[in-house]
């Protein structure tokens, strides 16, 4: 599904790294994602675990996934008028709001502007197909809507964290405390194998994989910037 900051283009590479590390260093059967977003990585990892916990603080996104687990049918077309109505009446159908707010918005930005269809693209249908491709692997996942620090993590879990980029994004309307985040990653790394997607990390974290790619910020196709996505693990006190 269209989702700002989503990792569909590099998801399989991240999954491969986590899977390889798990095979060498852990026999855990529990996977926990603290910022699951559109679940593109989570859906690929889930079949390898007996227990899967997917968390995100965005309540409408979580409501969408819970509804899909219960057989909810997403629409294949959303008009601009419907988009505007749903934007102004978010709680009438939280699951639909979660889908439209991301899947029918330009660049997957939460109600960041209606993505108009063209001769080659129906954005609602495209997003529906994407999420419906992933949901079968998540039917037994437990979805929670909590602050990442409140998620109960069973000991010896494989944990994946894809936080808001430092200095670029808020965390559900609040400034994201990057220092607090890294301190928490250190804490949970004592009892779990933790993988963090970020561009940079403190010196006591090791980059085990990286990939440069280009992002587009808005409708102006020329408004692009290059980033290097990296995957870190905690290497301990230095």
Protein backbone atom coordinates (compact mmCIF):
# COMPACT_ATOMS: atom_id res chain seq x y z
CA UNK A 1 0.00 0.00 0.00
CA UNK A 2 1.10 3.56 -0.69
CA UNK A 3 2.74 4.76 2.51
CA UNK A 4 5.07 7.68 3.14
CA UNK A 5 8.46 6.37 4.14
CA UNK A 6 7.48 2.85 3.08
CA UNK A 7 10.21 0.42 2.13
CA UNK A 8 8.61 -1.62 -0.63
CA UNK A 9 11.62 -1.17 -2.94
CA UNK A 10 14.09 -2.50 -0.38
CA UNK A 11 11.87 -4.71 1.76
CA UNK A 12 13.17 -8.04 0.49
CA UNK A 13 16.77 -7.00 1.05
CA UNK A 14 16.05 -6.01 4.66
CA UNK A 15 14.14 -9.26 5.19
CA UNK A 16 17.06 -11.26 3.81
CA UNK A 17 19.51 -9.61 6.21
CA UNK A 18 17.27 -10.15 9.25
CA UNK A 19 16.60 -13.75 8.25
CA UNK A 20 20.29 -14.46 7.77
CA UNK A 21 21.21 -12.96 11.14
CA UNK A 22 18.44 -14.89 12.86
CA UNK A 23 19.64 -18.17 11.37
CA UNK A 24 23.15 -17.54 12.71
CA UNK A 25 22.38 -16.01 16.09
CA UNK A 26 18.87 -16.79 17.28
CA UNK A 27 16.27 -19.55 17.44
CA UNK A 28 13.47 -17.16 18.38
CA UNK A 29 9.94 -17.89 17.19
CA UNK A 30 8.60 -14.43 18.09
CA UNK A 31 8.79 -11.38 15.85
CA UNK A 32 7.90 -7.90 17.08
CA UNK A 33 7.63 -4.79 14.90
CA UNK A 34 7.45 -1.55 16.86
CA UNK A 35 6.55 0.77 13.95
CA UNK A 36 4.85 -1.55 11.48
CA UNK A 37 3.45 1.08 9.09
CA UNK A 38 2.14 -0.56 5.93
CA UNK A 39 3.63 -3.93 7.00
CA UNK A 40 5.55 -4.51 3.78
CA UNK A 41 8.51 -5.97 5.67
CA UNK A 42 6.40 -7.56 8.38
CA UNK A 43 4.32 -9.52 5.89
CA UNK A 44 7.45 -11.06 4.41
CA UNK A 45 8.92 -12.02 7.79
CA UNK A 46 5.73 -13.22 9.48
CA UNK A 47 5.59 -16.73 7.91
CA UNK A 48 8.91 -17.54 9.56
CA UNK A 49 7.59 -17.05 13.11
CA UNK A 50 4.98 -18.72 15.30
CA UNK A 51 4.13 -15.45 17.05
CA UNK A 52 3.96 -12.03 15.38
CA UNK A 53 3.23 -8.70 17.04
CA UNK A 54 2.76 -5.66 14.80
CA UNK A 55 2.49 -2.30 16.50
CA UNK A 56 1.97 1.24 15.27
CA UNK A 57 0.76 4.34 17.06
CA UNK A 58 -1.44 5.30 14.10
CA UNK A 59 -4.85 4.08 15.22
CA UNK A 60 -6.54 4.24 11.81
CA UNK A 61 -3.83 2.15 10.19
CA UNK A 62 -4.14 -0.49 12.92
CA UNK A 63 -7.94 -0.46 12.61
CA UNK A 64 -7.55 -1.16 8.89
CA UNK A 65 -5.38 -4.21 9.49
CA UNK A 66 -7.67 -5.55 12.20
CA UNK A 67 -10.68 -5.13 9.91
CA UNK A 68 -8.88 -6.93 7.08
CA UNK A 69 -8.21 -9.84 9.41
CA UNK A 70 -11.99 -10.02 9.91
CA UNK A 71 -12.80 -10.01 6.20
CA UNK A 72 -13.30 -6.28 5.52
CA UNK A 73 -13.48 -5.50 1.80
CA UNK A 74 -11.55 -2.44 0.68
CA UNK A 75 -12.95 -0.26 -2.12
CA UNK A 76 -11.44 -0.24 -5.59
CA UNK A 77 -12.37 3.35 -6.36
CA UNK A 78 -12.39 6.50 -4.23
CA UNK A 79 -13.52 9.81 -5.72
CA UNK A 80 -12.07 13.12 -4.64
CA UNK A 81 -15.40 13.97 -2.99
CA UNK A 82 -15.31 10.73 -1.01
CA UNK A 83 -11.70 11.41 -0.07
CA UNK A 84 -12.57 14.84 1.31
CA UNK A 85 -15.59 13.48 3.20
CA UNK A 86 -13.57 10.70 4.82
CA UNK A 87 -10.85 13.18 5.74
CA UNK A 88 -13.44 15.28 7.61
CA UNK A 89 -15.25 12.29 9.18
CA UNK A 90 -12.39 10.00 10.14
CA UNK A 91 -14.16 8.13 12.91
CA UNK A 92 -17.22 7.06 10.89
CA UNK A 93 -15.27 4.11 9.51
CA UNK A 94 -11.75 4.00 10.98
CA UNK A 95 -10.68 1.07 8.80
CA UNK A 96 -11.68 2.86 5.61
CA UNK A 97 -10.03 6.04 6.88
CA UNK A 98 -6.77 4.17 7.40
CA UNK A 99 -6.87 2.88 3.85
CA UNK A 100 -7.89 6.14 2.16
CA UNK A 101 -5.68 8.39 4.28
CA UNK A 102 -2.57 6.64 3.03
CA UNK A 103 -3.51 4.55 0.01
CA UNK A 104 -5.36 7.31 -1.87
CA UNK A 105 -3.04 10.20 -0.99
CA UNK A 106 -0.18 11.44 -3.13
CA UNK A 107 3.06 9.81 -2.06
CA UNK A 108 1.26 7.87 0.65
CA UNK A 109 1.36 10.89 2.96
CA UNK A 110 -1.46 10.83 5.51
CA UNK A 111 -4.25 12.84 3.84
CA UNK A 112 -1.55 14.79 2.04
CA UNK A 113 -3.70 15.44 -1.04
CA UNK A 114 -5.92 13.30 -3.23
CA UNK A 115 -3.97 11.17 -5.69
CA UNK A 116 -5.87 11.65 -8.95
CA UNK A 117 -6.25 8.65 -11.19
CA UNK A 118 -4.97 8.74 -14.75
CA UNK A 119 -5.21 6.51 -17.78
CA UNK A 120 -2.71 4.07 -16.34
CA UNK A 121 -3.24 4.29 -12.59
CA UNK A 122 -6.15 3.73 -10.24
CA UNK A 123 -4.56 4.50 -6.88
CA UNK A 124 -7.28 2.94 -4.73
CA UNK A 125 -7.16 -0.29 -6.73
CA UNK A 126 -3.38 -0.28 -6.75
CA UNK A 127 -3.27 0.16 -2.97
CA UNK A 128 -5.94 -2.47 -2.40
CA UNK A 129 -4.08 -5.04 -4.46
CA UNK A 130 -0.90 -4.29 -2.57
CA UNK A 131 -2.35 -4.66 0.91
CA UNK A 132 -4.44 -7.69 -0.03
CA UNK A 133 -1.29 -9.37 -1.31
CA UNK A 134 0.31 -8.92 2.11
CA UNK A 135 -2.58 -9.60 4.49
CA UNK A 136 -2.67 -13.43 4.12
CA UNK A 137 0.70 -13.61 5.89
CA UNK A 138 -0.62 -11.41 8.70
CA UNK A 139 -3.89 -13.13 9.50
CA UNK A 140 -2.53 -14.49 12.78
CA UNK A 141 -0.55 -11.40 13.76
CA UNK A 142 -1.50 -9.45 16.85
CA UNK A 143 -1.97 -5.77 15.96
CA UNK A 144 -1.54 -3.21 18.72
CA UNK A 145 -1.78 0.58 18.79
CA UNK A 146 0.68 1.69 21.46
CA UNK A 147 3.67 3.90 21.98
CA UNK A 148 6.66 1.78 20.96
CA UNK A 149 7.95 1.75 24.56
CA UNK A 150 4.69 0.23 25.81
CA UNK A 151 4.76 -2.83 23.58
CA UNK A 152 5.30 -5.99 25.62
CA UNK A 153 8.25 -7.80 24.06
CA UNK A 154 8.67 -11.47 25.00
CA UNK A 155 12.26 -12.27 25.92
CA UNK A 156 14.48 -13.53 23.09
CA UNK A 157 12.34 -11.96 20.37
CA UNK A 158 13.47 -10.73 16.97
CA UNK A 159 12.57 -7.01 17.06
CA UNK A 160 12.40 -4.64 14.10
CA UNK A 161 12.15 -0.87 14.51
CA UNK A 162 11.58 1.58 11.69
CA UNK A 163 11.22 4.91 13.54
CA UNK A 164 10.57 8.37 12.08
CA UNK A 165 13.76 9.74 10.59
CA UNK A 166 15.65 11.91 13.06
CA UNK A 167 14.99 15.65 12.57
CA UNK A 168 12.49 15.06 9.74
CA UNK A 169 9.23 13.63 11.06
CA UNK A 170 6.99 13.91 14.08
CA UNK A 171 5.59 10.90 15.90
CA UNK A 172 1.80 11.19 15.68
CA UNK A 173 1.84 14.96 16.05
CA UNK A 174 4.61 15.08 18.64
CA UNK A 175 8.32 15.60 18.24
CA UNK A 176 10.06 12.26 18.15
CA UNK A 177 12.69 11.96 20.89
CA UNK A 178 15.60 10.35 19.07
CA UNK A 179 17.87 10.10 22.13
CA UNK A 180 15.15 8.38 24.10
CA UNK A 181 14.61 5.97 21.21
CA UNK A 182 18.24 4.88 21.04
CA UNK A 183 18.38 4.45 24.81
CA UNK A 184 15.37 2.17 24.56
CA UNK A 185 16.98 0.19 21.74
CA UNK A 186 19.98 -0.38 24.00
CA UNK A 187 17.70 -1.56 26.78
CA UNK A 188 15.72 -4.09 24.77
CA UNK A 189 18.83 -5.33 22.95
CA UNK A 190 19.97 -6.93 26.21
CA UNK A 191 17.26 -9.60 25.94
CA UNK A 192 16.42 -9.60 22.22
CA UNK A 193 17.97 -9.38 18.77
CA UNK A 194 17.03 -5.88 17.58
CA UNK A 195 17.25 -4.45 14.06
CA UNK A 196 16.79 -0.72 13.42
CA UNK A 197 16.15 0.99 10.08
CA UNK A 198 17.64 4.49 10.08
CA UNK A 199 20.05 6.70 8.19
CA UNK A 200 22.39 7.24 11.12
CA UNK A 201 22.95 5.78 14.57
CA UNK A 202 25.09 6.33 17.68
CA UNK A 203 28.58 4.85 17.69
CA UNK A 204 27.61 1.85 19.78
CA UNK A 205 25.37 0.59 16.99
CA UNK A 206 26.76 -1.28 13.99
CA UNK A 207 25.58 -0.85 10.40
CA UNK A 208 25.08 -4.31 8.95
CA UNK A 209 23.50 -3.28 5.62
CA UNK A 210 22.92 -0.14 3.56
CA UNK A 211 21.27 0.88 0.29
CA UNK A 212 21.03 4.32 -1.40
CA UNK A 213 17.83 5.30 -3.20
CA UNK A 214 15.75 8.33 -4.19
CA UNK A 215 12.59 9.66 -2.56
CA UNK A 216 10.03 12.12 -3.96
CA UNK A 217 8.52 14.61 -1.53
CA UNK A 218 5.45 15.88 -3.37
CA UNK A 219 3.69 16.25 -6.72
CA UNK A 220 6.72 18.03 -8.15
CA UNK A 221 8.65 15.10 -9.58
CA UNK A 222 11.78 17.23 -9.53
CA UNK A 223 11.54 17.67 -5.76
CA UNK A 224 13.56 14.57 -5.00
CA UNK A 225 16.33 13.72 -2.60
CA UNK A 226 18.67 10.81 -2.15
CA UNK A 227 18.91 8.85 1.08
CA UNK A 228 20.94 5.89 2.20
CA UNK A 229 18.79 3.47 4.14
CA UNK A 230 20.76 1.49 6.71
CA UNK A 231 20.08 -1.37 9.09
CA UNK A 232 21.71 -1.27 12.54
CA UNK A 233 22.14 -3.59 15.48
CA UNK A 234 23.49 -2.85 18.95
CA UNK A 235 27.10 -3.87 19.45
CA UNK A 236 27.33 -3.01 23.14
CA UNK A 237 29.36 -0.60 25.21
CA UNK A 238 32.36 0.97 23.51
